[in-house]
C-alpha atoms as a PDB file:
ATOM      1  CA  MET A   1      23.280  -5.472  30.282  1.00  0.00           C
ATOM      2  CA  GLU A   2      21.498  -2.630  29.065  1.00  0.00           C
ATOM      3  CA  PRO A   3      19.824  -2.832  25.774  1.00  0.00           C
ATOM      4  CA  PHE A   4      21.238  -1.874  22.532  1.00  0.00           C
ATOM      5  CA  GLU A   5      20.747   1.536  20.909  1.00  0.00           C
ATOM      6  CA  ALA A   6      19.361   0.388  17.830  1.00  0.00           C
ATOM      7  CA  ALA A   7      16.486  -1.724  16.138  1.00  0.00           C
ATOM      8  CA  PRO A   8      16.288  -5.291  16.900  1.00  0.00           C
ATOM      9  CA  GLN A   9      15.523  -5.523  12.776  1.00  0.00           C
ATOM     10  CA  GLU A  10      19.305  -4.294  12.096  1.00  0.00           C
ATOM     11  CA  LEU A  11      20.669  -6.157  14.988  1.00  0.00           C
ATOM     12  CA  VAL A  12      18.968  -9.900  13.694  1.00  0.00           C
ATOM     13  CA  LEU A  13      20.794  -8.681  10.410  1.00  0.00           C
ATOM     14  CA  THR A  14      24.246  -8.366  12.332  1.00  0.00           C
ATOM     15  CA  LEU A  15      23.584 -11.546  14.006  1.00  0.00           C
ATOM     16  CA  LEU A  16      22.647 -13.747  10.993  1.00  0.00           C
ATOM     17  CA  GLY A  17      25.761 -12.142   9.339  1.00  0.00           C
ATOM     18  CA  SER A  18      28.353 -12.192  12.033  1.00  0.00           C
ATOM     19  CA  TYR A  19      27.407 -16.279  12.865  1.00  0.00           C
ATOM     20  CA  LEU A  20      26.022 -18.185  10.041  1.00  0.00           C
ATOM     21  CA  HIS A  21      28.341 -20.694   8.979  1.00  0.00           C
ATOM     22  CA  ASP A  22      26.446 -20.823   5.814  1.00  0.00           C
ATOM     23  CA  ARG A  23      25.190 -17.586   4.658  1.00  0.00           C
ATOM     24  CA  ARG A  24      23.154 -18.986   1.381  1.00  0.00           C
ATOM     25  CA  GLY A  25      21.669 -21.939   2.928  1.00  0.00           C
ATOM     26  CA  GLN A  26      21.466 -22.338   6.923  1.00  0.00           C
ATOM     27  CA  MET A  27      18.492 -21.700   8.616  1.00  0.00           C
ATOM     28  CA  VAL A  28      18.532 -20.466  11.836  1.00  0.00           C
ATOM     29  CA  TRP A  29      15.388 -21.522  14.540  1.00  0.00           C
ATOM     30  CA  SER A  30      13.528 -18.500  15.653  1.00  0.00           C
ATOM     31  CA  GLY A  31      13.113 -19.422  19.307  1.00  0.00           C
ATOM     32  CA  GLY A  32      17.252 -19.651  19.368  1.00  0.00           C
ATOM     33  CA  LEU A  33      17.168 -16.072  18.010  1.00  0.00           C
ATOM     34  CA  VAL A  34      14.381 -14.401  20.148  1.00  0.00           C
ATOM     35  CA  ALA A  35      16.600 -15.913  23.165  1.00  0.00           C
ATOM     36  CA  LEU A  36      19.646 -14.589  22.088  1.00  0.00           C
ATOM     37  CA  LEU A  37      17.819 -10.967  21.306  1.00  0.00           C
ATOM     38  CA  ALA A  38      16.617 -11.114  24.669  1.00  0.00           C
ATOM     39  CA  GLU A  39      19.983 -11.673  26.400  1.00  0.00           C
ATOM     40  CA  LEU A  40      20.947  -8.640  24.711  1.00  0.00           C
ATOM     41  CA  GLY A  41      18.005  -6.418  26.290  1.00  0.00           C
ATOM     42  CA  PHE A  42      15.209  -7.231  23.702  1.00  0.00           C
ATOM     43  CA  SER A  43      11.740  -8.539  24.878  1.00  0.00           C
ATOM     44  CA  GLU A  44      10.386 -11.347  23.177  1.00  0.00           C
ATOM     45  CA  GLY A  45       7.738  -9.328  21.721  1.00  0.00           C
ATOM     46  CA  ALA A  46      10.058  -7.033  20.051  1.00  0.00           C
ATOM     47  CA  ALA A  47      12.071  -9.690  19.133  1.00  0.00           C
ATOM     48  CA  ARG A  48       9.452 -11.653  17.232  1.00  0.00           C
ATOM     49  CA  ILE A  49       7.651  -8.618  15.600  1.00  0.00           C
ATOM     50  CA  ALA A  50      11.545  -7.791  14.361  1.00  0.00           C
ATOM     51  CA  LEU A  51      11.740 -11.028  12.165  1.00  0.00           C
ATOM     52  CA  ALA A  52       8.296 -10.873  10.935  1.00  0.00           C
ATOM     53  CA  ARG A  53       8.939  -7.240   9.493  1.00  0.00           C
ATOM     54  CA  LEU A  54      12.295  -8.723   7.975  1.00  0.00           C
ATOM     55  CA  ALA A  55      10.497 -11.141   6.367  1.00  0.00           C
ATOM     56  CA  ARG A  56       8.264  -8.964   5.082  1.00  0.00           C
ATOM     57  CA  ARG A  57      11.023  -6.857   3.504  1.00  0.00           C
ATOM     58  CA  GLY A  58      11.893  -9.525   1.800  1.00  0.00           C
ATOM     59  CA  LEU A  59      15.275  -9.635   4.284  1.00  0.00           C
ATOM     60  CA  LEU A  60      14.544 -13.241   5.678  1.00  0.00           C
ATOM     61  CA  GLU A  61      12.964 -16.206   4.453  1.00  0.00           C
ATOM     62  CA  ARG A  62      10.384 -18.197   7.132  1.00  0.00           C
ATOM     63  CA  VAL A  63      10.541 -21.476   6.846  1.00  0.00           C
ATOM     64  CA  ARG A  64       8.166 -24.157   9.040  1.00  0.00           C
ATOM     65  CA  ARG A  65       9.321 -27.478   9.907  1.00  0.00           C
ATOM     66  CA  GLY A  66       6.590 -28.915  11.884  1.00  0.00           C
ATOM     67  CA  ARG A  67       5.473 -26.597  15.127  1.00  0.00           C
ATOM     68  CA  GLN A  68       9.063 -24.689  14.653  1.00  0.00           C
ATOM     69  CA  VAL A  69       9.375 -21.350  12.577  1.00  0.00           C
ATOM     70  CA  HIS A  70      13.173 -20.870  10.927  1.00  0.00           C
ATOM     71  CA  TYR A  71      14.543 -18.165   8.837  1.00  0.00           C
ATOM     72  CA  ALA A  72      17.080 -17.876   6.312  1.00  0.00           C
ATOM     73  CA  LEU A  73      18.943 -14.852   4.416  1.00  0.00           C
ATOM     74  CA  THR A  74      16.891 -13.925   0.885  1.00  0.00           C
ATOM     75  CA  LYS A  75      19.602 -13.360  -2.143  1.00  0.00           C
ATOM     76  CA  ARG A  76      19.239  -9.978  -1.599  1.00  0.00           C
ATOM     77  CA  THR A  77      20.253  -9.808   2.240  1.00  0.00           C
ATOM     78  CA  VAL A  78      22.820 -12.111   1.620  1.00  0.00           C
ATOM     79  CA  ASP A  79      24.476  -9.898  -1.292  1.00  0.00           C
ATOM     80  CA  VAL A  80      24.112  -6.563   0.801  1.00  0.00           C
ATOM     81  CA  LEU A  81      26.114  -8.407   3.548  1.00  0.00           C
ATOM     82  CA  ALA A  82      28.938  -9.777   1.510  1.00  0.00           C
ATOM     83  CA  GLU A  83      29.017  -6.219   0.463  1.00  0.00           C
ATOM     84  CA  GLY A  84      29.143  -4.818   4.084  1.00  0.00           C
ATOM     85  CA  ASP A  85      32.045  -7.408   4.634  1.00  0.00           C
ATOM     86  CA  GLU A  86      34.230  -5.995   1.869  1.00  0.00           C
ATOM     87  CA  ARG A  87      33.614  -2.523   3.385  1.00  0.00           C
ATOM     88  CA  LEU A  88      34.447  -3.078   6.698  1.00  0.00           C
ATOM     89  CA  ALA A  89      37.622  -4.630   5.978  1.00  0.00           C
ATOM     90  CA  GLY A  90      38.798  -1.317   4.141  1.00  0.00           C
ATOM     91  CA  LEU A  91      37.010   1.026   6.734  1.00  0.00           C
ATOM     92  CA  GLY A  92      39.908   3.353   7.511  1.00  0.00           C
ATOM     93  CA  ARG A  93      42.458   2.100   5.481  1.00  0.00           C
ATOM     94  CA  GLY A  94      42.776   5.795   3.651  1.00  0.00           C
ATOM     95  CA  ARG A  95      41.302   6.822   0.669  1.00  0.00           C
ATOM     96  CA  THR A  96      43.358   8.796  -1.893  1.00  0.00           C
ATOM     97  CA  ALA A  97      41.636  12.054  -3.875  1.00  0.00           C
ATOM     98  CA  GLY A  98      39.450  10.676  -6.645  1.00  0.00           C
ATOM     99  CA  GLU A  99      36.336  10.969  -8.224  1.00  0.00           C
ATOM    100  CA  TRP A 100      32.915  12.007  -6.108  1.00  0.00           C
ATOM    101  CA  THR A 101      29.744  11.007  -7.018  1.00  0.00           C
ATOM    102  CA  VAL A 102      26.278  13.095  -6.726  1.00  0.00           C
ATOM    103  CA  LEU A 103      23.180  11.792  -6.594  1.00  0.00           C
ATOM    104  CA  TRP A 104      19.861  13.422  -7.093  1.00  0.00           C
ATOM    105  CA  HIS A 105      16.153  12.382  -7.380  1.00  0.00           C
ATOM    106  CA  ALA A 106      12.943  12.920  -8.425  1.00  0.00           C
ATOM    107  CA  ILE A 107      11.038   9.708  -7.212  1.00  0.00           C
ATOM    108  CA  PRO A 108       7.486  10.406  -6.807  1.00  0.00           C
ATOM    109  CA  HIS A 109       6.100  10.407  -3.674  1.00  0.00           C
ATOM    110  CA  ASP A 110       3.540   7.678  -3.809  1.00  0.00           C
ATOM    111  CA  ARG A 111       6.608   5.320  -4.569  1.00  0.00           C
ATOM    112  CA  ARG A 112       7.865   5.671  -0.551  1.00  0.00           C
ATOM    113  CA  LEU A 113       8.994   2.591  -0.336  1.00  0.00           C
ATOM    114  CA  GLU A 114      11.259   2.888  -3.096  1.00  0.00           C
ATOM    115  CA  ARG A 115      12.325   6.347  -1.441  1.00  0.00           C
ATOM    116  CA  GLU A 116      12.750   4.935   1.933  1.00  0.00           C
ATOM    117  CA  ARG A 117      15.239   1.937   0.408  1.00  0.00           C
ATOM    118  CA  LEU A 118      16.985   4.257  -1.731  1.00  0.00           C
ATOM    119  CA  VAL A 119      17.840   6.302   1.478  1.00  0.00           C
ATOM    120  CA  ARG A 120      19.134   3.335   3.599  1.00  0.00           C
ATOM    121  CA  ARG A 121      21.367   1.901   0.701  1.00  0.00           C
ATOM    122  CA  LEU A 122      22.959   5.176   0.024  1.00  0.00           C
ATOM    123  CA  ARG A 123      23.910   5.475   3.623  1.00  0.00           C
ATOM    124  CA  PHE A 124      25.587   2.024   3.271  1.00  0.00           C
ATOM    125  CA  LEU A 125      27.144   3.374   0.643  1.00  0.00           C
ATOM    126  CA  GLY A 126      29.195   6.001   2.200  1.00  0.00           C
ATOM    127  CA  PHE A 127      26.878   8.571   1.148  1.00  0.00           C
ATOM    128  CA  GLY A 128      25.343  11.845   2.509  1.00  0.00           C
ATOM    129  CA  SER A 129      22.433  14.235   2.314  1.00  0.00           C
ATOM    130  CA  VAL A 130      23.171  17.605   1.012  1.00  0.00           C
ATOM    131  CA  GLN A 131      20.216  18.470   0.725  1.00  0.00           C
ATOM    132  CA  ASP A 132      16.729  17.145   0.051  1.00  0.00           C
ATOM    133  CA  ALA A 133      17.189  14.235  -2.370  1.00  0.00           C
ATOM    134  CA  THR A 134      20.604  15.342  -3.343  1.00  0.00           C
ATOM    135  CA  TRP A 135      23.396  13.329  -2.059  1.00  0.00           C
ATOM    136  CA  LEU A 136      27.411  12.874  -2.198  1.00  0.00           C
ATOM    137  CA  ALA A 137      29.579  10.176  -1.422  1.00  0.00           C
ATOM    138  CA  ALA A 138      33.500  11.060  -1.758  1.00  0.00           C
ATOM    139  CA  HIS A 139      34.297   8.282  -3.899  1.00  0.00           C
ATOM    140  CA  ASP A 140      32.712   6.714  -7.541  1.00  0.00           C
ATOM    141  CA  ARG A 141      29.863   4.567  -6.354  1.00  0.00           C
ATOM    142  CA  GLU A 142      28.248   4.586 -10.396  1.00  0.00           C
ATOM    143  CA  ALA A 143      28.290   0.871 -10.610  1.00  0.00           C
ATOM    144  CA  GLN A 144      26.728   0.696  -7.238  1.00  0.00           C
ATOM    145  CA  VAL A 145      24.053   3.481  -7.621  1.00  0.00           C
ATOM    146  CA  ALA A 146      23.057   2.524 -11.440  1.00  0.00           C
ATOM    147  CA  GLU A 147      22.487  -1.062  -9.785  1.00  0.00           C
ATOM    148  CA  LEU A 148      20.658   0.361  -6.942  1.00  0.00           C
ATOM    149  CA  LEU A 149      18.766   2.205  -9.162  1.00  0.00           C
ATOM    150  CA  ARG A 150      17.987  -0.177 -11.591  1.00  0.00           C
ATOM    151  CA  GLU A 151      16.717  -2.835  -8.596  1.00  0.00           C
ATOM    152  CA  LEU A 152      14.212  -0.574  -7.533  1.00  0.00           C
ATOM    153  CA  ASP A 153      13.179   0.274 -11.043  1.00  0.00           C
ATOM    154  CA  VAL A 154      13.697   4.509 -10.229  1.00  0.00           C
ATOM    155  CA  THR A 155      16.386   5.413 -13.066  1.00  0.00           C
ATOM    156  CA  ASP A 156      14.068   7.210 -15.082  1.00  0.00           C
ATOM    157  CA  HIS A 157      13.644   9.617 -11.889  1.00  0.00           C
ATOM    158  CA  ALA A 158      17.450  10.211 -10.961  1.00  0.00           C
ATOM    159  CA  GLY A 159      20.570  11.583 -12.178  1.00  0.00           C
ATOM    160  CA  VAL A 160      23.966  10.867 -11.389  1.00  0.00           C
ATOM    161  CA  LEU A 161      27.553  12.862 -11.708  1.00  0.00           C
ATOM    162  CA  LEU A 162      31.351  12.176 -11.420  1.00  0.00           C
ATOM    163  CA  GLY A 163      33.033  14.806 -10.798  1.00  0.00           C
ATOM    164  CA  ARG A 164      36.010  16.705  -8.057  1.00  0.00           C
ATOM    165  CA  PRO A 165      36.278  19.210  -5.859  1.00  0.00           C
ATOM    166  CA  ALA A 166      37.227  22.949  -7.655  1.00  0.00           C
ATOM    167  CA  ALA A 167      40.997  23.624  -5.455  1.00  0.00           C
ATOM    168  CA  SER A 168      39.330  26.629  -4.009  1.00  0.00           C
ATOM    169  CA  LEU A 169      36.911  24.590  -2.486  1.00  0.00           C
ATOM    170  CA  ASP A 170      36.826  24.334   1.680  1.00  0.00           C
ATOM    171  CA  VAL A 171      36.190  20.392   1.524  1.00  0.00           C
ATOM    172  CA  ARG A 172      36.114  20.036   5.116  1.00  0.00           C
ATOM    173  CA  ALA A 173      33.235  22.871   5.280  1.00  0.00           C
ATOM    174  CA  PHE A 174      31.331  22.123   2.892  1.00  0.00           C
ATOM    175  CA  ALA A 175      31.705  17.772   3.706  1.00  0.00           C
ATOM    176  CA  ALA A 176      30.115  19.511   6.913  1.00  0.00           C
ATOM    177  CA  ARG A 177      27.078  19.890   5.145  1.00  0.00           C
ATOM    178  CA  ALA A 178      26.264  16.260   4.494  1.00  0.00           C
ATOM    179  CA  TRP A 179      28.065  14.507   7.439  1.00  0.00           C
ATOM    180  CA  ASP A 180      28.456  15.794  11.067  1.00  0.00           C
ATOM    181  CA  LEU A 181      32.066  15.375  11.083  1.00  0.00           C
ATOM    182  CA  ASP A 182      32.705  16.277  15.017  1.00  0.00           C
ATOM    183  CA  ARG A 183      30.285  13.655  15.958  1.00  0.00           C
ATOM    184  CA  LEU A 184      31.856  11.021  13.755  1.00  0.00           C
ATOM    185  CA  ALA A 185      35.328  11.598  15.308  1.00  0.00           C
ATOM    186  CA  GLU A 186      33.090  11.366  19.154  1.00  0.00           C
ATOM    187  CA  ARG A 187      31.929   8.319  18.228  1.00  0.00           C
ATOM    188  CA  TYR A 188      35.223   6.970  16.987  1.00  0.00           C
ATOM    189  CA  ALA A 189      36.560   7.601  20.410  1.00  0.00           C
ATOM    190  CA  ALA A 190      33.770   5.994  22.266  1.00  0.00           C
ATOM    191  CA  PHE A 191      33.386   2.964  20.524  1.00  0.00           C
ATOM    192  CA  ALA A 192      37.160   2.511  21.293  1.00  0.00           C
ATOM    193  CA  ASP A 193      36.483   3.635  24.840  1.00  0.00           C
ATOM    194  CA  THR A 194      33.970   1.061  25.022  1.00  0.00           C
ATOM    195  CA  PHE A 195      35.733  -1.828  23.959  1.00  0.00           C
ATOM    196  CA  THR A 196      39.353  -1.954  25.763  1.00  0.00           C
ATOM    197  CA  ARG A 197      38.047  -4.873  27.860  1.00  0.00           C
ATOM    198  CA  PRO A 198      39.771  -7.935  28.659  1.00  0.00           C
ATOM    199  CA  VAL A 199      38.624 -10.878  26.371  1.00  0.00           C
ATOM    200  CA  PRO A 200      35.858 -12.822  28.291  1.00  0.00           C
ATOM    201  CA  GLU A 201      36.491 -16.844  28.641  1.00  0.00           C
ATOM    202  CA  ASN A 202      32.648 -17.140  29.456  1.00  0.00           C
ATOM    203  CA  PRO A 203      30.792 -18.230  25.800  1.00  0.00           C
ATOM    204  CA  ALA A 204      27.710 -15.867  26.583  1.00  0.00           C
ATOM    205  CA  ALA A 205      29.750 -12.617  27.740  1.00  0.00           C
ATOM    206  CA  ALA A 206      31.804 -13.208  24.570  1.00  0.00           C
ATOM    207  CA  PHE A 207      28.914 -13.299  22.504  1.00  0.00           C
ATOM    208  CA  ALA A 208      27.409 -10.577  23.980  1.00  0.00           C
ATOM    209  CA  LEU A 209      30.344  -8.664  23.513  1.00  0.00           C
ATOM    210  CA  ARG A 210      31.500  -9.398  20.384  1.00  0.00           C
ATOM    211  CA  THR A 211      27.695  -9.014  18.823  1.00  0.00           C
ATOM    212  CA  ARG A 212      27.990  -5.031  20.523  1.00  0.00           C
ATOM    213  CA  LEU A 213      31.795  -4.762  18.825  1.00  0.00           C
ATOM    214  CA  VAL A 214      30.473  -5.815  15.065  1.00  0.00           C
ATOM    215  CA  HIS A 215      27.540  -3.998  15.302  1.00  0.00           C
ATOM    216  CA  GLY A 216      28.848  -0.737  16.744  1.00  0.00           C
ATOM    217  CA  TYR A 217      31.501  -0.710  14.245  1.00  0.00           C
ATOM    218  CA  ARG A 218      28.816  -1.748  11.424  1.00  0.00           C
ATOM    219  CA  GLN A 219      27.476   1.672  12.003  1.00  0.00           C
ATOM    220  CA  PHE A 220      30.265   4.019  10.941  1.00  0.00           C
ATOM    221  CA  LEU A 221      29.868   2.371   7.330  1.00  0.00           C
ATOM    222  CA  THR A 222      26.750   4.854   7.218  1.00  0.00           C
ATOM    223  CA  GLN A 223      28.503   7.582   9.260  1.00  0.00           C
ATOM    224  CA  ASP A 224      32.348   7.769   7.952  1.00  0.00           C
ATOM    225  CA  PRO A 225      32.143   9.266   4.395  1.00  0.00           C
ATOM    226  CA  GLU A 226      35.800   8.215   4.201  1.00  0.00           C
ATOM    227  CA  LEU A 227      36.899  11.566   3.188  1.00  0.00           C
ATOM    228  CA  PRO A 228      40.783  11.443   0.799  1.00  0.00           C
ATOM    229  CA  GLU A 229      42.800  12.400   4.204  1.00  0.00           C
ATOM    230  CA  GLU A 230      45.128  14.643   1.616  1.00  0.00           C
ATOM    231  CA  LEU A 231      41.795  17.075   1.763  1.00  0.00           C
ATOM    232  CA  VAL A 232      40.283  16.198   5.166  1.00  0.00           C
ATOM    233  CA  PRO A 233      42.329  14.703   7.707  1.00  0.00           C
ATOM    234  CA  ALA A 234      40.821  11.400   9.510  1.00  0.00           C
ATOM    235  CA  PRO A 235      39.160  11.326  12.465  1.00  0.00           C
ATOM    236  CA  PRO A 236      41.695  11.276  15.460  1.00  0.00           C
ATOM    237  CA  ARG A 237      40.897   8.273  17.061  1.00  0.00           C
ATOM    238  CA  ARG A 238      39.838   6.264  13.960  1.00  0.00           C
ATOM    239  CA  ALA A 239      42.853   4.449  13.539  1.00  0.00           C
ATOM    240  CA  GLU A 240      42.647   3.341  16.949  1.00  0.00           C
ATOM    241  CA  ALA A 241      39.167   1.898  16.869  1.00  0.00           C
ATOM    242  CA  VAL A 242      40.195   0.157  13.857  1.00  0.00           C
ATOM    243  CA  ARG A 243      43.213  -1.826  14.725  1.00  0.00           C
ATOM    244  CA  LEU A 244      40.644  -2.497  18.125  1.00  0.00           C
ATOM    245  CA  PHE A 245      38.090  -4.354  16.040  1.00  0.00           C
ATOM    246  CA  HIS A 246      40.541  -6.290  14.165  1.00  0.00           C
ATOM    247  CA  ASP A 247      41.937  -7.468  17.452  1.00  0.00           C
ATOM    248  CA  LEU A 248      38.862  -8.296  19.245  1.00  0.00           C
ATOM    249  CA  TYR A 249      36.600  -9.461  17.224  1.00  0.00           C
ATOM    250  CA  PRO A 250      38.563 -13.034  15.623  1.00  0.00           C
ATOM    251  CA  ALA A 251      39.810 -13.080  19.465  1.00  0.00           C
ATOM    252  CA  LEU A 252      35.996 -13.658  20.546  1.00  0.00           C
ATOM    253  CA  ALA A 253      34.918 -15.746  17.487  1.00  0.00           C
ATOM    254  CA  PRO A 254      35.871 -19.326  18.984  1.00  0.00           C
ATOM    255  CA  ALA A 255      33.662 -18.633  22.509  1.00  0.00           C
ATOM    256  CA  ALA A 256      31.177 -16.226  21.151  1.00  0.00           C
ATOM    257  CA  GLN A 257      30.197 -19.145  18.191  1.00  0.00           C
ATOM    258  CA  ARG A 258      29.815 -21.695  20.210  1.00  0.00           C
ATOM    259  CA  HIS A 259      27.301 -20.154  22.007  1.00  0.00           C
ATOM    260  CA  PHE A 260      25.068 -18.864  19.487  1.00  0.00           C
ATOM    261  CA  ASP A 261      25.457 -22.508  18.275  1.00  0.00           C
ATOM    262  CA  GLU A 262      23.562 -24.016  21.264  1.00  0.00           C
ATOM    263  CA  VAL A 263      21.118 -21.644  21.797  1.00  0.00           C
ATOM    264  CA  THR A 264      19.916 -21.574  18.260  1.00  0.00           C
ATOM    265  CA  HIS A 265      20.393 -25.336  17.866  1.00  0.00           C
ATOM    266  CA  ALA A 266      16.396 -26.644  17.632  1.00  0.00           C
END
């Protein structure tokens, strides 16, 4: 099987978000996670480095039980995954025109960690970069942004405005400065073409397919600005990709979950 076109840290969070029965309390054996990542094309070294880095970033908690190491999700990660679940459920359901959010910041360069975390979270919230330190979302994200700035302790270094595009504005041309809309359409088409195979009965095959499916679909959270369709037409095959995901993801769940549980059982 070809390796994922993704960082192993991202894939670990996809696995734990998709297969943990109890995100707030369940711990997973590190050896099982390493084995699953190996099935998906990553070396043992890359897998263990990814787990260690996630722990250093405060996204995983490392717990030792005897000679074995287990990992659990931190509260911060649980909250981010829950927000992602909500956005995945609504992705492609159609957005009406409303308030847009503009954020700009002047976070000092010596606070690199905060700047990097801000960028990751803004992309996750559907923002695109209009120019350096100026970000745009086609939705009212005031509450989420205010909470994010407080969390990072950078409120004094940022500003937020809400507004609407002017009637004379070519919204698609303007939005194309922040998001690659042509590439987005290609990605939806590729997703729909990739995941049209029959549902496998083999648990390992179902696990691999379901994991690739959800990981690929989650990428649209940072790629698709979900522009109001009365202003900019939706990507041509987005509706097809959305239907495919919501049909295939639950259909693969029983066999894929069995495989995850068996491999991660210490």
